Amino acid sequence: MFRLPLIDRLKFYLERQLAKGAFYQLVVAWLLVVLVSLFGGALVTAFHGPAETYLENIWWAFLRLTDPGYLGDDEGMLRRVVSTVLTVLGYVLFMGTLVAIMTQWLTAKMQTLEQGLTPVALRHHISILGWTSRTIPILQDILARGPLDNGAERKRKRTRIAVLADDITQGASSEFYSHRELSAKRRQVILRSGSMLNPDHMLRVAAGSAKVVIIPSPADTSGRLLSADSEAIKVLLSLNAQSVQATPPLAIVELQNADNIALARHSYQGPLQIVASDIAIARAFSQSVVSPGVSEVLDSLLVDANGCQLYLAPATAVQGQRWGDISQFYQASIACGVVSKQGGHATPLLNPKQDYIIGSDDQLILLAREEKDIVYLGSAGNQQAQLAPVDLSALSLQRERARVLVLGWNRRVPRFIEQLQAAFGQHLALTSVSTSSRSQRRQLVNDSHAQLEFIEADYTRASVLSDIELNQFDTVVVFATDRLERGEEADARSIVANQLLDLLLQDASQRPQVLVELIDPNNNRYVSASKHRLRSEVVQSSAMISHLLAQLAVYPDLRSVYDSLLSPEGVGVRLKSVPSQWFGQPSFRQLQQAVAAQGDILIGIKQDNQRSELNLSPDALVDANATTALIVIGN
């Protein structure tokens, strides 16, 4: 039978002791110091005889090992030689080993602390579960809004956010600190490592005691699309079990498939706001097809950091008043409607009737650049010269029929086609060009009376687009593919397709509307730059969903408001022509009053070949002509 030599056994035993940690390493180092002291004491005793006891010589050797200051105090050649050797060994065994062990221990402890494994001691904070492409925009939006409301006390407290990432040492920390506005508020954000699918890891961000828990979809790559919603629902179940409050935290979850909404509601017992990204993005595209120019309005509301946003404000100051008396009299903001609480559910009412009475539980929906701009002035002294009353119903720029070319394919395209079918019915003609299987795409689209054509080809090849009569279409929509591993690769194909359209349509007398989906907001300048004659409209889908998730963390009831705004039926964002009776330079307030008299709410102006302007100053003069469009909230 094979047996290890004694030296190998000793080495194995020594290795096992050193692997146990700093304490055992120190014990081994001290044993070596004791052995050297015993050997040094025995050596001096053997050559000097019984003049000094063995214990005294051991102590003498130990002092030389641990304190170099004794070198030079000894007499006699042998003592000096032994003392020198012991002093050198003391530097190596005592000081060097001790410093090395303590340094290694401290470094390991620092690395452990940097990994963010310690649970946070926070309550009523915001927890973000998962580090995805949405996390940084969500942090930017929440921190830019300032302090959050602290429940029933209505006090404003500094927002504290705990973020759970898979491993913060693998890029999350460096990505966070690379953004100047986030780095300046680093005290408000705590990063923790862990998987959101592990309930024990969720304790590290105190998800159960949070005020709001945001669960962005982990579907950053095509490989995670199938499991994204399953992971989100698993997190909701874990959150149910961890809640330590009488009222569970508000959960804001993103789902990739709207079919899973009912399952998500069944899985969580607390307040829940769901953002179905496939429906939200499909509606944004479809509304931009129905009413060209709506994409710029949505960009201002949900993407542009310098644009206007929707806010909710208590209606205490205007309780009991008529909507028609208060709707136009806010400083630097526009009242768009109310959110009423009925049976515990928020019901949005955009563009209420003029005789609607503001209730005690109502919240006002206001369009403003910043929350501080929401100041009610009262109705006295705000009336200006009235414009001639004109019926605006016949001036709508909304299409009644559409011929649409869709380039690319992803999971949102079937929803997009459903929305167009609901809006146009039999008056829709749609052609889909993609490398995806023609039969597979046809199966994913519900049967309808619309004219649907599916072409299997690569739309980034000039020969493919050249064979298609682009001039026959009203709108060309370029969707970002979800079959690639990174959003940058998908954007590259979308940008190439846009360039091809710009090239092929450069001599066309009438060009179709072009809508391009981009994943990375930094690529916006490659599509909508002024040097491109096509002036494509951009829908930044990822940034839009990120901003929506952040807005719901502050104003949860806004989800129902956006559902109403993007709905194909009822009240929404519409563009209407300016009647000839209003041509000239009326003030924005005059236009507001004239539009309100016709039952709509004016929120902005769209000039030809210029970006839409929302929430203009009431005294701003508008160059109203045949190419000017009114951006209204109405039917």
Foldseek 3Di string as FASTA:
>chain_A
DDDDDPVVVVVVVLVVQPVVALVSLVVVLVVVLQVLLLVQLVVVCVVPDVPDDSVVSSVVLSCLLQPVVCQPVDDDDVVNVSSVVSNVNSVVRPVVSVVVSVVVRVVVVVVVVVQLQAADPDAQAEEEAEDAPLVVLLVVLQVVQAFFQDPPVRDTDGHAYEYEYQTCVPPVVVVQCVDPVSVVVVVRYHYHHDHLLDLSRVRSHPQQRYQEYEYEFRLQALVCLVCRQVSQLSSQLSSQVRHPDPAGHEYEYEAQDPVCPVVSPVSHDHHYHYHHLLLLVLLLVLVCQQFPQVLLVLCLAFPDLQHKHKDKAFCVVQAFHFCLFFQPFWALKGWFFKWAQDPNATDTDGLDDRRDGHHRRIITIMIHRGPVRGGGDGRPPPDDDAFDADAQPVFFRGDQAFEEEEEEDEPNVLSNVVQNCVRHPQRYAYEYEELPDQVVVVVSHDDGNHHYHYHRDQLLDLVVVVVDPQVVGQEYEYEFYNNGGHQVVSVVSQLSNLVSLLVVCVPPPDGHAYEYEGADPVCPCSRQPPVRPNNHRYNHSSSRVSSVSSVCVRVVSCVNVSCQQSHSDFWHKTKGADDPSPADWDFPLNVQVSVVVNSKGFFWKDAPPDRIHGSDGRRGIDRHDRRMITTITGD
